[in-house]
Protein backbone atom coordinates (compact mmCIF):
# COMPACT_ATOMS: atom_id res chain seq x y z
CA UNK A 1 -28.67 17.33 45.57
CA UNK A 2 -29.47 19.33 42.40
CA UNK A 3 -26.79 19.47 39.69
CA UNK A 4 -25.09 22.84 39.27
CA UNK A 5 -23.92 22.06 35.72
CA UNK A 6 -25.51 19.63 33.23
CA UNK A 7 -23.30 18.44 30.36
CA UNK A 8 -24.94 16.69 27.41
CA UNK A 9 -22.99 15.19 24.49
CA UNK A 10 -24.23 15.75 20.93
CA UNK A 11 -26.22 12.65 20.11
CA UNK A 12 -28.38 10.97 17.51
CA UNK A 13 -28.90 7.64 15.78
CA UNK A 14 -26.30 6.30 13.35
CA UNK A 15 -28.65 7.10 10.44
CA UNK A 16 -29.16 10.67 11.66
CA UNK A 17 -25.43 11.24 11.99
CA UNK A 18 -24.86 9.84 8.46
CA UNK A 19 -27.60 12.02 6.97
CA UNK A 20 -26.45 15.25 8.65
CA UNK A 21 -22.73 14.38 8.33
CA UNK A 22 -21.54 17.38 10.40
CA UNK A 23 -17.94 18.41 11.07
CA UNK A 24 -17.29 18.17 14.80
CA UNK A 25 -14.96 20.67 16.43
CA UNK A 26 -11.55 19.65 17.73
CA UNK A 27 -12.04 17.05 20.54
CA UNK A 28 -15.84 17.51 20.32
CA UNK A 29 -17.59 14.16 21.00
CA UNK A 30 -20.56 12.75 19.10
CA UNK A 31 -22.61 9.78 20.39
CA UNK A 32 -24.73 7.22 18.46
CA UNK A 33 -27.72 6.40 20.64
CA UNK A 34 -28.62 3.16 18.85
CA UNK A 35 -25.13 1.61 18.61
CA UNK A 36 -23.41 3.01 21.72
CA UNK A 37 -20.39 4.08 19.60
CA UNK A 38 -18.94 7.59 19.58
CA UNK A 39 -16.42 9.68 17.67
CA UNK A 40 -14.17 12.65 18.47
CA UNK A 41 -13.96 15.51 15.97
CA UNK A 42 -10.81 17.19 14.69
CA UNK A 43 -12.39 20.33 13.25
CA UNK A 44 -11.58 19.16 9.68
CA UNK A 45 -13.10 15.78 8.81
CA UNK A 46 -16.86 15.25 8.47
CA UNK A 47 -18.68 12.64 10.58
CA UNK A 48 -18.52 9.87 7.94
CA UNK A 49 -14.75 10.34 7.54
CA UNK A 50 -14.01 10.14 11.27
CA UNK A 51 -13.09 6.76 12.87
CA UNK A 52 -15.00 5.43 15.86
CA UNK A 53 -13.13 5.71 19.16
CA UNK A 54 -11.58 2.32 19.85
CA UNK A 55 -12.20 1.01 16.29
CA UNK A 56 -8.49 0.15 15.96
CA UNK A 57 -8.45 -1.86 19.19
CA UNK A 58 -9.23 -5.56 19.59
CA UNK A 59 -11.74 -6.86 22.14
CA UNK A 60 -10.29 -8.04 25.44
CA UNK A 61 -11.55 -11.57 24.76
CA UNK A 62 -10.55 -11.74 21.08
CA UNK A 63 -8.91 -14.86 19.59
CA UNK A 64 -6.51 -15.65 16.73
CA UNK A 65 -6.24 -18.43 14.19
CA UNK A 66 -3.07 -20.50 14.05
CA UNK A 67 -2.34 -18.88 10.65
CA UNK A 68 -2.16 -15.48 12.42
CA UNK A 69 0.78 -16.47 14.68
CA UNK A 70 3.43 -14.43 12.87
CA UNK A 71 6.52 -15.87 14.60
CA UNK A 72 5.58 -19.53 14.03
CA UNK A 73 6.74 -21.73 11.18
CA UNK A 74 4.33 -23.60 8.90
CA UNK A 75 5.30 -26.83 10.71
CA UNK A 76 4.48 -25.31 14.11
CA UNK A 77 1.09 -24.07 12.91
CA UNK A 78 0.34 -27.52 11.44
CA UNK A 79 1.03 -29.14 14.84
CA UNK A 80 -1.36 -26.66 16.52
CA UNK A 81 -4.17 -27.44 14.07
CA UNK A 82 -3.60 -31.23 13.85
CA UNK A 83 -6.83 -33.14 14.53
CA UNK A 84 -5.04 -36.24 15.84
CA UNK A 85 -1.73 -37.48 17.19
CA UNK A 86 -1.05 -39.17 13.85
CA UNK A 87 -1.54 -35.87 11.99
CA UNK A 88 0.74 -34.09 14.46
CA UNK A 89 3.48 -36.67 13.84
CA UNK A 90 2.97 -36.26 10.09
CA UNK A 91 3.40 -32.47 10.50
CA UNK A 92 6.88 -32.92 12.02
CA UNK A 93 7.88 -35.72 9.63
CA UNK A 94 7.51 -38.52 12.18
CA UNK A 95 5.07 -40.53 10.06
CA UNK A 96 1.35 -41.07 10.45
CA UNK A 97 1.31 -44.53 12.07
CA UNK A 98 -0.39 -44.96 15.42
CA UNK A 99 1.99 -47.84 16.31
CA UNK A 100 3.86 -47.67 19.59
CA UNK A 101 7.44 -48.77 20.28
CA UNK A 102 7.83 -52.43 21.07
CA UNK A 103 9.03 -55.78 19.73
CA UNK A 104 5.81 -57.70 19.13
CA UNK A 105 4.22 -58.30 15.76
CA UNK A 106 2.32 -55.30 14.39
CA UNK A 107 4.30 -52.69 16.31
CA UNK A 108 7.27 -50.50 15.48
CA UNK A 109 10.76 -51.87 16.06
CA UNK A 110 12.25 -51.64 19.49
CA UNK A 111 14.98 -49.11 20.17
CA UNK A 112 17.56 -51.91 20.68
CA UNK A 113 16.59 -53.78 17.48
CA UNK A 114 19.55 -55.19 15.47
CA UNK A 115 18.61 -56.02 11.83
CA UNK A 116 19.68 -59.22 10.14
CA UNK A 117 21.59 -59.13 6.84
CA UNK A 118 18.41 -60.05 4.89
CA UNK A 119 16.59 -56.99 6.32
CA UNK A 120 19.22 -54.51 5.10
CA UNK A 121 18.54 -52.63 1.82
CA UNK A 122 20.81 -50.32 -0.16
CA UNK A 123 24.54 -50.68 -1.02
CA UNK A 124 27.12 -52.09 1.35
CA UNK A 125 30.42 -50.31 1.82
CA UNK A 126 33.52 -51.93 0.34
CA UNK A 127 34.85 -52.64 3.83
CA UNK A 128 31.79 -54.91 4.32
CA UNK A 129 32.18 -56.83 1.03
CA UNK A 130 33.82 -60.24 0.76
CA UNK A 131 37.06 -60.50 -1.29
CA UNK A 132 35.07 -61.41 -4.42
CA UNK A 133 32.42 -58.90 -5.64
CA UNK A 134 30.56 -58.35 -8.89
CA UNK A 135 31.47 -55.21 -10.85
CA UNK A 136 28.50 -53.50 -12.61
CA UNK A 137 28.98 -51.96 -16.10
CA UNK A 138 26.52 -49.10 -16.77
CA UNK A 139 26.07 -47.05 -20.00
CA UNK A 140 25.69 -43.29 -19.37
CA UNK A 141 25.14 -40.43 -21.81
CA UNK A 142 27.10 -37.67 -20.03
CA UNK A 143 29.63 -36.87 -17.31
CA UNK A 144 26.83 -35.62 -15.06
CA UNK A 145 25.01 -38.94 -15.42
CA UNK A 146 28.22 -40.83 -14.58
CA UNK A 147 28.79 -38.76 -11.43
CA UNK A 148 25.17 -39.37 -10.38
CA UNK A 149 25.54 -43.18 -10.46
CA UNK A 150 24.97 -45.19 -7.28
CA UNK A 151 28.20 -47.16 -7.73
CA UNK A 152 30.96 -48.76 -5.72
CA UNK A 153 34.60 -49.40 -6.30
CA UNK A 154 35.22 -51.46 -9.45
CA UNK A 155 31.98 -50.49 -11.24
CA UNK A 156 32.35 -49.47 -14.90
CA UNK A 157 30.69 -46.51 -16.66
CA UNK A 158 30.45 -46.63 -20.47
CA UNK A 159 30.26 -43.06 -21.82
CA UNK A 160 28.13 -43.25 -24.98
CA UNK A 161 28.60 -39.51 -25.66
CA UNK A 162 32.40 -39.67 -26.10
CA UNK A 163 32.97 -43.41 -26.73
CA UNK A 164 35.11 -43.93 -23.64
CA UNK A 165 34.95 -46.27 -20.66
CA UNK A 166 35.75 -45.42 -17.01
CA UNK A 167 36.19 -47.53 -13.87
CA UNK A 168 35.54 -46.27 -10.32
CA UNK A 169 38.74 -46.45 -8.30
CA UNK A 170 37.24 -45.40 -4.93
CA UNK A 171 33.86 -45.38 -3.18
CA UNK A 172 33.10 -41.80 -4.30
CA UNK A 173 31.20 -41.96 -7.65
CA UNK A 174 30.37 -38.23 -7.43
CA UNK A 175 34.04 -37.16 -7.83
CA UNK A 176 35.36 -37.06 -11.44
CA UNK A 177 38.93 -37.62 -10.31
CA UNK A 178 37.97 -41.02 -8.83
CA UNK A 179 36.92 -42.37 -12.26
CA UNK A 180 39.86 -43.80 -14.28
CA UNK A 181 39.64 -44.03 -18.09
CA UNK A 182 40.21 -47.49 -19.61
CA UNK A 183 42.46 -46.95 -22.65
CA UNK A 184 42.64 -49.64 -25.37
CA UNK A 185 45.90 -50.64 -27.21
CA UNK A 186 44.48 -51.72 -30.65
CA UNK A 187 46.48 -50.67 -33.81
CA UNK A 188 44.95 -48.94 -36.84
CA UNK A 189 44.26 -51.58 -39.53
CA UNK A 190 44.24 -49.26 -42.56
CA UNK A 191 43.92 -45.60 -43.63
CA UNK A 192 42.05 -44.68 -46.82
CA UNK A 193 42.47 -48.26 -47.97
CA UNK A 194 46.23 -48.21 -47.43
CA UNK A 195 48.17 -50.35 -45.00
CA UNK A 196 51.73 -50.35 -43.69
CA UNK A 197 53.65 -47.07 -43.82
CA UNK A 198 50.90 -44.88 -45.23
CA UNK A 199 51.55 -41.62 -47.14
CA UNK A 200 48.35 -39.74 -47.91
CA UNK A 201 47.75 -37.59 -51.02
CA UNK A 202 45.04 -34.91 -51.48
CA UNK A 203 43.04 -37.32 -53.61
CA UNK A 204 42.90 -39.72 -50.59
CA UNK A 205 40.81 -37.17 -48.70
CA UNK A 206 38.62 -36.10 -51.66
CA UNK A 207 40.50 -32.89 -52.56
CA UNK A 208 42.12 -33.80 -55.90
CA UNK A 209 41.11 -30.46 -57.54
CA UNK A 210 42.44 -28.23 -54.74
CA UNK A 211 45.62 -26.24 -55.46
CA UNK A 212 48.16 -25.98 -52.65
CA UNK A 213 48.30 -22.17 -52.54
CA UNK A 214 47.95 -19.81 -49.60
CA UNK A 215 44.80 -17.74 -49.24
CA UNK A 216 46.68 -14.56 -50.13
CA UNK A 217 48.07 -16.15 -53.32
CA UNK A 218 44.83 -17.70 -54.60
CA UNK A 219 43.81 -16.43 -58.08
CA UNK A 220 40.37 -15.00 -58.93
CA UNK A 221 38.09 -17.86 -59.85
CA UNK A 222 36.15 -17.93 -63.11
CA UNK A 223 32.85 -17.47 -61.28
CA UNK A 224 34.21 -14.50 -59.28
CA UNK A 225 35.59 -12.86 -62.45
CA UNK A 226 32.18 -13.24 -64.14
CA UNK A 227 30.43 -11.64 -61.12
CA UNK A 228 32.93 -8.75 -60.97
CA UNK A 229 32.41 -8.03 -64.68
CA UNK A 230 28.86 -6.88 -63.87
CA UNK A 231 29.94 -4.37 -61.18
CA UNK A 232 30.64 -0.60 -61.39
CA UNK A 233 34.15 0.74 -61.42
CA UNK A 234 35.52 2.28 -58.24
CA UNK A 235 34.07 5.75 -57.53
CA UNK A 236 36.50 8.58 -56.90
CA UNK A 237 36.64 9.70 -53.28
CA UNK A 238 34.77 12.90 -52.44
CA UNK A 239 34.94 15.10 -49.32
CA UNK A 240 32.79 15.17 -46.19
CA UNK A 241 31.01 18.29 -47.50
CA UNK A 242 29.95 16.59 -50.78
CA UNK A 243 27.27 14.10 -51.83
CA UNK A 244 27.14 11.66 -54.77
CA UNK A 245 24.64 12.65 -57.46
CA UNK A 246 22.74 10.30 -59.73
CA UNK A 247 25.22 10.96 -62.57
CA UNK A 248 27.99 9.55 -60.29
CA UNK A 249 29.57 12.95 -59.74
CA UNK A 250 30.24 14.76 -56.44
CA UNK A 251 28.44 18.01 -55.55
CA UNK A 252 28.59 20.33 -52.53
CA UNK A 253 26.11 19.34 -49.83
CA UNK A 254 24.27 22.44 -48.54
CA UNK A 255 20.69 23.46 -47.60
CA UNK A 256 19.89 24.32 -51.24
CA UNK A 257 20.81 20.75 -52.27
CA UNK A 258 18.08 19.38 -49.99
CA UNK A 259 15.44 21.97 -50.91
CA UNK A 260 15.78 24.12 -47.74
CA UNK A 261 17.35 27.29 -49.12
CA UNK A 262 15.01 29.52 -47.06
CA UNK A 263 15.74 27.78 -43.76
CA UNK A 264 17.89 29.71 -41.23
CA UNK A 265 20.55 27.79 -39.31
CA UNK A 266 19.23 28.57 -35.80
CA UNK A 267 18.50 26.20 -32.91
CA UNK A 268 14.89 25.52 -31.92
CA UNK A 269 15.38 27.51 -28.70
CA UNK A 270 16.66 30.55 -30.65
CA UNK A 271 14.13 30.52 -33.51
CA UNK A 272 12.17 33.80 -33.76
CA UNK A 273 8.37 33.99 -33.72
CA UNK A 274 7.17 33.80 -37.32
CA UNK A 275 4.96 36.45 -38.93
CA UNK A 276 2.02 34.04 -39.08
CA UNK A 277 2.47 33.13 -35.41
CA UNK A 278 2.68 36.83 -34.45
CA UNK A 279 -0.56 37.50 -36.31
CA UNK A 280 -2.28 34.60 -34.54
CA UNK A 281 -0.91 35.62 -31.11
CA UNK A 282 -2.10 39.21 -31.58
CA UNK A 283 -5.68 37.94 -31.51
CA UNK A 284 -5.19 36.01 -28.24
CA UNK A 285 -5.50 37.13 -24.61
CA UNK A 286 -2.51 36.86 -22.23
CA UNK A 287 -2.72 34.38 -19.32
CA UNK A 288 -1.79 37.12 -16.82
CA UNK A 289 -4.50 39.75 -16.23
CA UNK A 290 -6.22 39.51 -19.64
CA UNK A 291 -8.46 42.38 -20.77
CA UNK A 292 -11.37 41.09 -22.85
CA UNK A 293 -13.49 43.15 -25.23
CA UNK A 294 -17.00 42.66 -26.52
CA UNK A 295 -19.27 40.15 -24.81
CA UNK A 296 -17.44 37.35 -22.95
CA UNK A 297 -19.44 34.11 -23.01
CA UNK A 298 -18.47 31.23 -20.75
CA UNK A 299 -19.66 27.67 -21.49
CA UNK A 300 -22.47 26.28 -19.37
CA UNK A 301 -20.99 22.78 -19.35
CA UNK A 302 -18.92 21.32 -16.56
CA UNK A 303 -15.85 22.22 -18.60
CA UNK A 304 -16.72 25.93 -18.21
CA UNK A 305 -16.11 28.19 -15.25
CA UNK A 306 -17.54 26.64 -12.08
CA UNK A 307 -17.29 27.38 -8.36
CA UNK A 308 -14.52 24.76 -8.19
CA UNK A 309 -12.42 26.82 -10.61
CA UNK A 310 -12.39 29.68 -8.13
CA UNK A 311 -11.77 27.56 -5.04
CA UNK A 312 -15.39 27.57 -3.78
CA UNK A 313 -16.41 23.97 -4.42
CA UNK A 314 -17.98 23.68 -0.95
CA UNK A 315 -20.11 26.87 -1.28
CA UNK A 316 -23.88 26.36 -1.78
CA UNK A 317 -25.74 28.60 -4.22
CA UNK A 318 -28.16 30.11 -1.68
CA UNK A 319 -28.99 33.75 -1.01
CA UNK A 320 -27.75 35.40 2.18
CA UNK A 321 -31.30 35.41 3.56
CA UNK A 322 -31.76 31.75 2.68
CA UNK A 323 -28.47 30.50 4.13
CA UNK A 324 -28.93 27.90 6.93
CA UNK A 325 -27.25 28.08 10.33
CA UNK A 326 -23.87 26.35 9.97
CA UNK A 327 -22.75 23.52 12.25
CA UNK A 328 -20.16 25.76 13.91
CA UNK A 329 -22.72 28.55 14.36
CA UNK A 330 -25.28 26.16 15.85
CA UNK A 331 -22.62 24.80 18.25
CA UNK A 332 -21.85 28.36 19.37
CA UNK A 333 -25.56 29.24 19.68
CA UNK A 334 -26.19 26.18 21.83
CA UNK A 335 -23.87 27.72 24.43
CA UNK A 336 -25.83 31.01 24.57
CA UNK A 337 -28.90 32.00 26.66
CA UNK A 338 -32.19 33.09 25.10
CA UNK A 339 -33.10 36.77 25.39
CA UNK A 340 -36.63 35.79 26.41
CA UNK A 341 -36.94 33.99 29.78
CA UNK A 342 -33.45 32.42 29.85
CA UNK A 343 -32.79 29.53 32.22
CA UNK A 344 -29.26 29.61 33.61
CA UNK A 345 -27.35 26.72 35.17
CA UNK A 346 -24.43 26.65 37.57
CA UNK A 347 -23.50 29.81 39.46
CA UNK A 348 -24.54 33.03 37.69
CA UNK A 349 -22.14 35.95 38.35
CA UNK A 350 -23.37 39.44 37.49
CA UNK A 351 -21.12 42.55 37.24
CA UNK A 352 -21.17 45.06 40.08
CA UNK A 353 -20.78 48.12 37.84
CA UNK A 354 -23.60 50.55 37.05
CA UNK A 355 -23.79 49.01 33.59
CA UNK A 356 -24.56 45.63 35.15
CA UNK A 357 -27.86 44.21 36.38
CA UNK A 358 -29.74 46.55 38.78
CA UNK A 359 -33.07 46.43 40.64
CA UNK A 360 -34.57 48.46 37.81
CA UNK A 361 -33.66 45.67 35.30
CA UNK A 362 -35.73 43.21 37.31
CA UNK A 363 -38.68 45.58 38.00
CA UNK A 364 -37.78 46.43 41.63
CA UNK A 365 -37.07 50.17 41.32
CA UNK A 366 -38.89 51.03 44.59
CA UNK A 367 -37.26 48.31 46.69
CA UNK A 368 -34.72 49.54 49.26
CA UNK A 369 -31.59 47.52 49.87
CA UNK A 370 -32.14 46.99 53.59
CA UNK A 371 -32.04 43.80 55.62
CA UNK A 372 -35.28 42.32 56.88
CA UNK A 373 -34.44 43.30 60.47
CA UNK A 374 -33.77 46.92 59.46
CA UNK A 375 -36.77 47.42 57.19
CA UNK A 376 -39.06 50.32 58.35
CA UNK A 377 -42.84 50.11 58.86
CA UNK A 378 -44.51 50.87 55.56
CA UNK A 379 -47.18 53.59 55.23
CA UNK A 380 -49.95 51.03 54.72
CA UNK A 381 -48.79 49.07 57.77
CA UNK A 382 -48.65 52.23 59.84
CA UNK A 383 -52.20 53.16 58.80
CA UNK A 384 -53.45 49.70 59.72
CA UNK A 385 -51.63 49.81 63.06
CA UNK A 386 -53.09 53.21 63.86
CA UNK A 387 -56.52 51.62 64.11
CA UNK A 388 -55.32 48.98 66.53
CA UNK A 389 -55.03 49.04 70.35
CA UNK A 390 -51.81 48.39 72.05
CA UNK A 391 -51.47 44.90 73.48
CA UNK A 392 -51.00 46.44 76.95
CA UNK A 393 -54.09 48.67 76.90
CA UNK A 394 -56.84 48.46 79.65
CA UNK A 395 -60.51 49.40 80.03
CA UNK A 396 -62.70 50.76 82.85
CA UNK A 397 -66.14 49.41 83.61
CA UNK A 398 -67.56 52.46 81.99
CA UNK A 399 -66.05 51.29 78.73
CA UNK A 400 -68.17 48.08 78.85
CA UNK A 401 -71.32 48.96 76.97
CA UNK A 402 -72.79 45.49 76.59
CA UNK A 403 -72.22 41.96 77.76
CA UNK A 404 -73.43 39.03 75.68
CA UNK A 405 -75.82 41.37 73.89
CA UNK A 406 -77.45 42.70 77.04
CA UNK A 407 -77.09 45.75 79.27
CA UNK A 408 -74.52 45.36 82.02
């Protein structure tokens, strides 16, 4: 059965598409004949900027690495990638040994194993100690070090940083309140070489030259008096509108004093345009609708006026006659019939009005619109028939002039 309508997608090799780089219309497909991929246009992006249909989808048979399982922990991923049972146990902290549970030599201990006293390591609790135990004295350099000791009740910590000794009263060495300070009861033997009821004088502590006066009552020392003798006398107080001159006198502080007598006291925002600025501005063109005089020369460099400056960066510098057929124009032309010998597809519908297609348009001016059964006998047919005998005609013997070339 012949096709009434033939639809063909725009097609070409991947290299041809890349070279031409057309802009497909909205939802217009484009097919790569050598890769089997295709794209759908949006009427804006060029071919190279469009994504392939299905490029953001994974293959049905795709796989993932263990590192790509986002809701798994590092331990779980390590178990998945372990090359052996030993490595899997190592991943979950169960050790790397291949030993099985049991009680024979060379295997792990049985679940009901009870250790002997000689197999136990670490520190026994005080409730497991006999009545007599050895107390351990340990020097430490800080309170933090003392609290970090692995100690039991009765152990002694010697604090070298403060010269004190503490004994642990409980089984909690990490609690400062469970350490009791050992306080000695020795008497002082002597003070500053004196014994008995000692009364100290300032000479006993190396201050024999110090006078017993308050700070406020202390006199000016000789050294201070000598230093003050080389200083200026007190300067009289001026006002906030004055400044101290080099001759140690006060003068009014104004703009003349700082060499700015011609400066007006106006803010930057309110300053007028100066005469020099006005002169310079008079020779410049305004930004809005400037009117130039003379010959205006624009630079030929890329910093001059270019088609991009006027919003025509995509326009090619070709004459109207030399302009190529655009992609959109070619797409529209592809949907049109040629004027010369067009070949139509599908069902062609012509208008029934007098301005539509008539027998004259197809060179059949003399043809009458009659059915085959109703068509009359043409003049030529009538002429030909006029020289023929009717199928029912008869002859007399007189009409037989010859038989087989002889006389009857």
